[in-house]
Amino acid sequence: MSSSGRSLVTGQSQPLRAKIGDDITLPCYVKPARDAVNEMLEWSRHDLNPRFVHVRRSGEDWLVVQNLDFTGRTSVSIDALKQGDMSLKLSKVKLSDEGTYTCFIPALNTQSSVQLVVDAVINLTKVSSGVLQCQSKGWYPEP
């Protein structure tokens, strides 16, 4: 327990970086570690409507309130939850995933935030002798 006898939620203070199409894990941990399988958990982004990215209630994923942009792309590991690890796996990262995510545990009245930065992808392809083709995607704002 912390000096006040309360559990804390911790994440990562530095922004996380991902490329379009990557899978990434957004960190969130209960300190001291404890079984969190049955804890209510809310992952959200306050700039979205609806704001919920992933929600768990009563030991189950509760995705009826999930923002449709994240359908089928989020998960939380049950084995990790048993150790107090409430990290969110986000699959097939898109440019629109860039933003600040909040991990909130209502029963503990504590939260943690992590910023996700999505990088553009640049591909160079040799078309013929001395000629390169350059393609890029994921720029924001677009050049």
N, C-alpha and C. Protein backbone atom coordinates (compact mmCIF):
# COMPACT_ATOMS: atom_id res chain seq x y z
N MET A 1 0.84 -1.18 0.00
CA MET A 1 0.00 0.00 0.00
C MET A 1 0.89 1.25 0.00
N SER A 2 0.32 2.30 -0.48
CA SER A 2 1.03 3.56 -0.45
C SER A 2 1.06 4.07 0.99
N SER A 3 1.73 5.17 1.21
CA SER A 3 1.84 5.70 2.57
C SER A 3 0.48 6.06 3.15
N SER A 4 -0.49 6.34 2.31
CA SER A 4 -1.83 6.66 2.81
C SER A 4 -2.69 5.40 2.95
N GLY A 5 -2.12 4.21 2.63
CA GLY A 5 -2.86 2.98 2.75
C GLY A 5 -3.74 2.68 1.55
N ARG A 6 -3.62 3.45 0.49
CA ARG A 6 -4.45 3.27 -0.70
C ARG A 6 -3.66 2.62 -1.82
N SER A 7 -4.38 1.93 -2.69
CA SER A 7 -3.76 1.41 -3.90
C SER A 7 -3.62 2.54 -4.91
N LEU A 8 -2.63 2.43 -5.76
CA LEU A 8 -2.39 3.41 -6.80
C LEU A 8 -2.43 2.72 -8.15
N VAL A 9 -2.68 3.49 -9.18
CA VAL A 9 -2.61 3.01 -10.54
C VAL A 9 -1.47 3.75 -11.22
N THR A 10 -0.57 3.01 -11.85
CA THR A 10 0.55 3.63 -12.54
C THR A 10 0.55 3.21 -14.00
N GLY A 11 1.17 4.02 -14.81
CA GLY A 11 1.28 3.74 -16.24
C GLY A 11 2.66 4.09 -16.73
N GLN A 12 2.72 4.97 -17.71
CA GLN A 12 3.99 5.39 -18.29
C GLN A 12 3.93 6.89 -18.52
N SER A 13 4.96 7.60 -18.06
CA SER A 13 4.94 9.06 -18.18
C SER A 13 5.36 9.54 -19.57
N GLN A 14 6.20 8.77 -20.25
CA GLN A 14 6.66 9.16 -21.58
C GLN A 14 5.66 8.67 -22.64
N PRO A 15 5.47 9.44 -23.72
CA PRO A 15 4.57 8.99 -24.79
C PRO A 15 5.05 7.67 -25.40
N LEU A 16 4.09 6.83 -25.79
CA LEU A 16 4.39 5.60 -26.52
C LEU A 16 4.30 5.92 -28.00
N ARG A 17 5.14 5.26 -28.81
CA ARG A 17 5.12 5.47 -30.25
C ARG A 17 4.76 4.16 -30.93
N ALA A 18 3.95 4.26 -31.98
CA ALA A 18 3.58 3.10 -32.77
C ALA A 18 3.48 3.51 -34.23
N LYS A 19 3.68 2.54 -35.11
CA LYS A 19 3.48 2.78 -36.53
C LYS A 19 2.10 2.26 -36.91
N ILE A 20 1.54 2.81 -37.96
CA ILE A 20 0.26 2.36 -38.46
C ILE A 20 0.35 0.85 -38.74
N GLY A 21 -0.63 0.10 -38.25
CA GLY A 21 -0.67 -1.35 -38.44
C GLY A 21 -0.05 -2.14 -37.31
N ASP A 22 0.72 -1.48 -36.43
CA ASP A 22 1.34 -2.16 -35.29
C ASP A 22 0.29 -2.58 -34.26
N ASP A 23 0.68 -3.51 -33.41
CA ASP A 23 -0.04 -3.81 -32.17
C ASP A 23 0.77 -3.19 -31.05
N ILE A 24 0.10 -2.59 -30.07
CA ILE A 24 0.81 -1.93 -28.97
C ILE A 24 0.05 -2.17 -27.67
N THR A 25 0.78 -2.17 -26.56
CA THR A 25 0.18 -2.33 -25.25
C THR A 25 0.33 -1.03 -24.48
N LEU A 26 -0.83 -0.50 -24.04
CA LEU A 26 -0.85 0.71 -23.23
C LEU A 26 -0.79 0.28 -21.77
N PRO A 27 0.26 0.66 -21.03
CA PRO A 27 0.47 0.14 -19.68
C PRO A 27 -0.43 0.76 -18.61
N CYS A 28 -0.85 -0.09 -17.67
CA CYS A 28 -1.62 0.36 -16.51
C CYS A 28 -1.51 -0.73 -15.45
N TYR A 29 -1.03 -0.38 -14.26
CA TYR A 29 -0.79 -1.36 -13.19
C TYR A 29 -1.35 -0.88 -11.86
N VAL A 30 -1.91 -1.79 -11.09
CA VAL A 30 -2.33 -1.49 -9.73
C VAL A 30 -1.14 -1.76 -8.83
N LYS A 31 -0.80 -0.79 -7.99
CA LYS A 31 0.29 -0.92 -7.02
C LYS A 31 -0.26 -0.72 -5.62
N PRO A 32 -0.02 -1.58 -4.67
CA PRO A 32 0.66 -2.87 -4.84
C PRO A 32 -0.20 -3.82 -5.68
N ALA A 33 0.48 -4.76 -6.33
CA ALA A 33 -0.21 -5.70 -7.22
C ALA A 33 -1.26 -6.48 -6.44
N ARG A 34 -2.42 -6.67 -7.09
CA ARG A 34 -3.49 -7.46 -6.51
C ARG A 34 -4.37 -7.99 -7.64
N ASP A 35 -5.12 -9.02 -7.36
CA ASP A 35 -6.02 -9.60 -8.35
C ASP A 35 -7.06 -8.56 -8.73
N ALA A 36 -7.11 -8.22 -10.01
CA ALA A 36 -8.02 -7.18 -10.48
C ALA A 36 -9.02 -7.72 -11.52
N VAL A 37 -9.17 -9.04 -11.59
CA VAL A 37 -10.06 -9.65 -12.59
C VAL A 37 -11.48 -9.13 -12.45
N ASN A 38 -11.95 -8.96 -11.21
CA ASN A 38 -13.33 -8.54 -10.99
C ASN A 38 -13.49 -7.04 -10.74
N GLU A 39 -12.40 -6.29 -10.87
CA GLU A 39 -12.48 -4.83 -10.72
C GLU A 39 -13.12 -4.23 -11.97
N MET A 40 -13.91 -3.18 -11.78
CA MET A 40 -14.39 -2.44 -12.93
C MET A 40 -13.20 -1.66 -13.49
N LEU A 41 -13.07 -1.68 -14.81
CA LEU A 41 -11.95 -1.03 -15.49
C LEU A 41 -12.49 -0.26 -16.68
N GLU A 42 -12.07 0.99 -16.80
CA GLU A 42 -12.47 1.81 -17.93
C GLU A 42 -11.23 2.37 -18.61
N TRP A 43 -11.06 2.03 -19.88
CA TRP A 43 -10.06 2.67 -20.73
C TRP A 43 -10.82 3.65 -21.61
N SER A 44 -10.40 4.90 -21.64
CA SER A 44 -11.14 5.90 -22.40
C SER A 44 -10.20 6.94 -23.02
N ARG A 45 -10.78 7.68 -23.96
CA ARG A 45 -10.14 8.87 -24.53
C ARG A 45 -11.20 9.96 -24.49
N HIS A 46 -10.92 11.03 -23.79
CA HIS A 46 -11.93 12.06 -23.55
C HIS A 46 -12.23 12.91 -24.77
N ASP A 47 -11.44 12.77 -25.84
CA ASP A 47 -11.73 13.52 -27.06
C ASP A 47 -12.66 12.75 -28.00
N LEU A 48 -13.10 11.55 -27.59
CA LEU A 48 -13.97 10.72 -28.42
C LEU A 48 -15.40 10.76 -27.90
N ASN A 49 -16.34 10.40 -28.78
CA ASN A 49 -17.73 10.27 -28.38
C ASN A 49 -18.32 9.06 -29.10
N PRO A 50 -18.63 7.96 -28.41
CA PRO A 50 -18.44 7.79 -26.97
C PRO A 50 -16.95 7.66 -26.63
N ARG A 51 -16.63 7.98 -25.39
CA ARG A 51 -15.23 8.07 -24.98
C ARG A 51 -14.59 6.74 -24.61
N PHE A 52 -15.40 5.69 -24.44
CA PHE A 52 -14.87 4.41 -23.95
C PHE A 52 -14.18 3.61 -25.05
N VAL A 53 -12.95 3.19 -24.76
CA VAL A 53 -12.15 2.38 -25.67
C VAL A 53 -12.31 0.90 -25.30
N HIS A 54 -12.34 0.61 -23.99
CA HIS A 54 -12.53 -0.76 -23.49
C HIS A 54 -13.04 -0.68 -22.05
N VAL A 55 -14.06 -1.45 -21.74
CA VAL A 55 -14.64 -1.45 -20.39
C VAL A 55 -14.80 -2.90 -19.92
N ARG A 56 -14.49 -3.12 -18.63
CA ARG A 56 -14.75 -4.42 -17.98
C ARG A 56 -15.61 -4.17 -16.76
N ARG A 57 -16.62 -5.03 -16.58
CA ARG A 57 -17.50 -4.97 -15.41
C ARG A 57 -17.75 -6.38 -14.94
N SER A 58 -17.72 -6.59 -13.62
CA SER A 58 -18.05 -7.89 -13.02
C SER A 58 -17.28 -9.03 -13.67
N GLY A 59 -16.01 -8.79 -13.97
CA GLY A 59 -15.16 -9.84 -14.50
C GLY A 59 -15.35 -10.15 -15.97
N GLU A 60 -16.11 -9.31 -16.69
CA GLU A 60 -16.38 -9.54 -18.11
C GLU A 60 -16.10 -8.27 -18.91
N ASP A 61 -15.68 -8.46 -20.17
CA ASP A 61 -15.60 -7.32 -21.08
C ASP A 61 -17.02 -6.82 -21.31
N TRP A 62 -17.21 -5.52 -21.23
CA TRP A 62 -18.53 -4.90 -21.39
C TRP A 62 -18.38 -3.85 -22.49
N LEU A 63 -18.55 -4.31 -23.72
CA LEU A 63 -18.19 -3.48 -24.86
C LEU A 63 -19.39 -2.81 -25.54
N VAL A 64 -20.55 -2.86 -24.92
CA VAL A 64 -21.72 -2.21 -25.52
C VAL A 64 -21.57 -0.69 -25.55
N VAL A 65 -20.68 -0.15 -24.71
CA VAL A 65 -20.44 1.29 -24.68
C VAL A 65 -19.16 1.68 -25.44
N GLN A 66 -18.50 0.69 -26.05
CA GLN A 66 -17.22 0.92 -26.72
C GLN A 66 -17.39 1.78 -27.97
N ASN A 67 -16.46 2.71 -28.16
CA ASN A 67 -16.42 3.50 -29.38
C ASN A 67 -16.22 2.53 -30.56
N LEU A 68 -17.03 2.68 -31.59
CA LEU A 68 -17.02 1.74 -32.72
C LEU A 68 -15.68 1.67 -33.44
N ASP A 69 -14.86 2.73 -33.37
CA ASP A 69 -13.54 2.71 -34.01
C ASP A 69 -12.62 1.65 -33.42
N PHE A 70 -12.95 1.14 -32.24
CA PHE A 70 -12.07 0.19 -31.55
C PHE A 70 -12.63 -1.24 -31.55
N THR A 71 -13.77 -1.45 -32.20
CA THR A 71 -14.40 -2.77 -32.23
C THR A 71 -13.44 -3.83 -32.74
N GLY A 72 -13.25 -4.88 -31.94
CA GLY A 72 -12.40 -6.01 -32.33
C GLY A 72 -10.92 -5.73 -32.27
N ARG A 73 -10.51 -4.58 -31.72
CA ARG A 73 -9.08 -4.23 -31.71
C ARG A 73 -8.50 -4.05 -30.31
N THR A 74 -9.31 -4.27 -29.25
CA THR A 74 -8.81 -4.07 -27.89
C THR A 74 -8.97 -5.35 -27.08
N SER A 75 -8.05 -5.54 -26.13
CA SER A 75 -8.16 -6.69 -25.22
C SER A 75 -7.34 -6.42 -23.97
N VAL A 76 -7.76 -7.10 -22.90
CA VAL A 76 -7.05 -7.07 -21.63
C VAL A 76 -6.81 -8.53 -21.24
N SER A 77 -5.60 -8.86 -20.83
CA SER A 77 -5.24 -10.23 -20.49
C SER A 77 -5.78 -10.62 -19.10
N ILE A 78 -6.55 -11.70 -19.05
CA ILE A 78 -7.08 -12.20 -17.77
C ILE A 78 -5.93 -12.62 -16.86
N ASP A 79 -4.93 -13.32 -17.40
CA ASP A 79 -3.78 -13.74 -16.58
C ASP A 79 -3.05 -12.53 -16.01
N ALA A 80 -2.91 -11.48 -16.81
CA ALA A 80 -2.25 -10.26 -16.33
C ALA A 80 -3.09 -9.58 -15.26
N LEU A 81 -4.42 -9.55 -15.45
CA LEU A 81 -5.30 -8.93 -14.45
C LEU A 81 -5.12 -9.57 -13.07
N LYS A 82 -4.86 -10.86 -13.03
CA LYS A 82 -4.66 -11.57 -11.76
C LYS A 82 -3.46 -11.03 -11.00
N GLN A 83 -2.55 -10.36 -11.73
CA GLN A 83 -1.34 -9.78 -11.12
C GLN A 83 -1.43 -8.26 -11.00
N GLY A 84 -2.62 -7.70 -11.24
CA GLY A 84 -2.79 -6.26 -11.14
C GLY A 84 -2.38 -5.49 -12.38
N ASP A 85 -2.16 -6.21 -13.50
CA ASP A 85 -1.76 -5.58 -14.75
C ASP A 85 -3.02 -5.36 -15.59
N MET A 86 -3.44 -4.09 -15.70
CA MET A 86 -4.66 -3.74 -16.42
C MET A 86 -4.35 -3.12 -17.78
N SER A 87 -3.19 -3.44 -18.31
CA SER A 87 -2.74 -2.88 -19.59
C SER A 87 -3.69 -3.28 -20.72
N LEU A 88 -3.82 -2.38 -21.69
CA LEU A 88 -4.71 -2.57 -22.82
C LEU A 88 -3.90 -2.86 -24.07
N LYS A 89 -4.22 -3.97 -24.73
CA LYS A 89 -3.60 -4.25 -26.03
C LYS A 89 -4.48 -3.64 -27.10
N LEU A 90 -3.87 -2.82 -27.95
CA LEU A 90 -4.55 -2.19 -29.07
C LEU A 90 -3.93 -2.75 -30.34
N SER A 91 -4.75 -3.41 -31.16
CA SER A 91 -4.27 -4.06 -32.38
C SER A 91 -4.50 -3.19 -33.60
N LYS A 92 -3.68 -3.40 -34.62
CA LYS A 92 -3.81 -2.73 -35.91
C LYS A 92 -4.00 -1.22 -35.76
N VAL A 93 -2.99 -0.60 -35.15
CA VAL A 93 -3.03 0.84 -34.86
C VAL A 93 -3.34 1.64 -36.13
N LYS A 94 -4.22 2.63 -35.96
CA LYS A 94 -4.59 3.55 -37.04
C LYS A 94 -4.14 4.95 -36.64
N LEU A 95 -4.04 5.82 -37.63
CA LEU A 95 -3.66 7.21 -37.36
C LEU A 95 -4.62 7.84 -36.36
N SER A 96 -5.90 7.52 -36.47
CA SER A 96 -6.91 8.11 -35.58
C SER A 96 -6.79 7.63 -34.13
N ASP A 97 -5.94 6.62 -33.87
CA ASP A 97 -5.73 6.13 -32.51
C ASP A 97 -4.84 7.06 -31.69
N GLU A 98 -4.17 8.00 -32.35
CA GLU A 98 -3.28 8.91 -31.63
C GLU A 98 -4.08 9.73 -30.62
N GLY A 99 -3.56 9.83 -29.40
CA GLY A 99 -4.23 10.61 -28.37
C GLY A 99 -3.82 10.15 -26.99
N THR A 100 -4.48 10.71 -25.98
CA THR A 100 -4.19 10.38 -24.58
C THR A 100 -5.28 9.45 -24.05
N TYR A 101 -4.85 8.30 -23.58
CA TYR A 101 -5.74 7.27 -23.06
C TYR A 101 -5.68 7.27 -21.53
N THR A 102 -6.84 7.07 -20.91
CA THR A 102 -6.93 7.04 -19.45
C THR A 102 -7.40 5.67 -19.00
N CYS A 103 -6.68 5.11 -18.04
CA CYS A 103 -7.03 3.85 -17.38
C CYS A 103 -7.60 4.24 -16.02
N PHE A 104 -8.88 3.92 -15.78
CA PHE A 104 -9.56 4.34 -14.56
C PHE A 104 -10.17 3.13 -13.87
N ILE A 105 -9.92 3.01 -12.56
CA ILE A 105 -10.49 1.95 -11.75
C ILE A 105 -11.40 2.62 -10.73
N PRO A 106 -12.73 2.63 -10.98
CA PRO A 106 -13.66 3.36 -10.10
C PRO A 106 -13.59 2.94 -8.63
N ALA A 107 -13.44 1.65 -8.34
CA ALA A 107 -13.42 1.19 -6.95
C ALA A 107 -12.25 1.77 -6.17
N LEU A 108 -11.16 2.06 -6.87
CA LEU A 108 -9.98 2.64 -6.23
C LEU A 108 -9.96 4.15 -6.36
N ASN A 109 -10.88 4.69 -7.16
CA ASN A 109 -10.95 6.13 -7.43
C ASN A 109 -9.58 6.67 -7.83
N THR A 110 -8.93 5.94 -8.72
CA THR A 110 -7.60 6.34 -9.18
C THR A 110 -7.46 6.03 -10.66
N GLN A 111 -6.60 6.79 -11.34
CA GLN A 111 -6.42 6.63 -12.77
C GLN A 111 -5.00 6.93 -13.18
N SER A 112 -4.68 6.55 -14.41
CA SER A 112 -3.39 6.80 -15.00
C SER A 112 -3.61 7.10 -16.48
N SER A 113 -2.76 7.94 -17.06
CA SER A 113 -2.90 8.27 -18.47
C SER A 113 -1.62 7.97 -19.22
N VAL A 114 -1.78 7.67 -20.51
CA VAL A 114 -0.63 7.43 -21.39
C VAL A 114 -0.95 8.04 -22.75
N GLN A 115 0.04 8.69 -23.33
CA GLN A 115 -0.13 9.32 -24.64
C GLN A 115 0.41 8.39 -25.72
N LEU A 116 -0.39 8.17 -26.76
CA LEU A 116 0.03 7.36 -27.90
C LEU A 116 0.28 8.29 -29.08
N VAL A 117 1.48 8.17 -29.67
CA VAL A 117 1.85 8.92 -30.86
C VAL A 117 1.97 7.92 -32.00
N VAL A 118 1.27 8.18 -33.10
CA VAL A 118 1.29 7.28 -34.25
C VAL A 118 2.17 7.90 -35.33
N ASP A 119 3.18 7.13 -35.75
CA ASP A 119 4.15 7.60 -36.75
C ASP A 119 3.73 7.22 -38.16
N ALA A 120 4.08 8.07 -39.09
CA ALA A 120 3.84 7.80 -40.51
C ALA A 120 4.78 6.71 -41.00
N VAL A 121 4.39 6.08 -42.08
CA VAL A 121 5.19 5.02 -42.69
C VAL A 121 5.62 5.49 -44.07
N ILE A 122 6.92 5.34 -44.37
CA ILE A 122 7.45 5.72 -45.68
C ILE A 122 8.08 4.49 -46.32
N ASN A 123 7.68 4.20 -47.55
CA ASN A 123 8.23 3.07 -48.30
C ASN A 123 8.93 3.58 -49.55
N LEU A 124 10.18 3.14 -49.74
CA LEU A 124 10.93 3.45 -50.97
C LEU A 124 11.04 2.16 -51.77
N THR A 125 10.68 2.23 -53.05
CA THR A 125 10.73 1.07 -53.92
C THR A 125 11.52 1.42 -55.17
N LYS A 126 12.47 0.55 -55.53
CA LYS A 126 13.23 0.76 -56.76
C LYS A 126 12.36 0.33 -57.93
N VAL A 127 12.01 1.27 -58.81
CA VAL A 127 11.15 0.99 -59.96
C VAL A 127 12.01 0.53 -61.13
N SER A 128 13.08 1.24 -61.37
CA SER A 128 14.04 0.88 -62.43
C SER A 128 15.38 1.50 -62.07
N SER A 129 16.36 1.28 -62.89
CA SER A 129 17.69 1.80 -62.62
C SER A 129 17.65 3.31 -62.43
N GLY A 130 18.01 3.76 -61.24
CA GLY A 130 18.08 5.19 -60.95
C GLY A 130 16.74 5.83 -60.62
N VAL A 131 15.65 5.04 -60.58
CA VAL A 131 14.33 5.61 -60.29
C VAL A 131 13.76 4.95 -59.04
N LEU A 132 13.45 5.78 -58.07
CA LEU A 132 12.82 5.29 -56.84
C LEU A 132 11.39 5.82 -56.75
N GLN A 133 10.52 4.99 -56.24
CA GLN A 133 9.15 5.42 -55.99
C GLN A 133 9.00 5.55 -54.48
N CYS A 134 8.49 6.68 -54.05
CA CYS A 134 8.33 6.95 -52.63
C CYS A 134 6.83 7.03 -52.31
N GLN A 135 6.39 6.26 -51.31
CA GLN A 135 5.01 6.31 -50.86
C GLN A 135 5.02 6.53 -49.36
N SER A 136 4.08 7.33 -48.89
CA SER A 136 3.97 7.54 -47.45
C SER A 136 2.51 7.54 -47.06
N LYS A 137 2.27 7.20 -45.80
CA LYS A 137 0.91 7.27 -45.27
C LYS A 137 1.01 7.57 -43.79
N GLY A 138 -0.07 8.09 -43.28
CA GLY A 138 -0.12 8.32 -41.84
C GLY A 138 0.36 9.67 -41.40
N TRP A 139 0.56 10.61 -42.31
CA TRP A 139 1.02 11.93 -41.91
C TRP A 139 -0.13 12.72 -41.30
N TYR A 140 0.17 13.39 -40.23
CA TYR A 140 -0.82 14.29 -39.65
C TYR A 140 -0.11 15.49 -39.06
N PRO A 141 -0.40 16.68 -39.48
CA PRO A 141 -1.28 16.95 -40.64
C PRO A 141 -0.61 16.53 -41.92
N GLU A 142 -1.41 16.32 -42.98
CA GLU A 142 -0.84 15.91 -44.26
C GLU A 142 0.04 17.01 -44.80
N PRO A 143 1.16 16.65 -45.46
CA PRO A 143 2.07 17.66 -46.02
C PRO A 143 1.44 18.40 -47.19
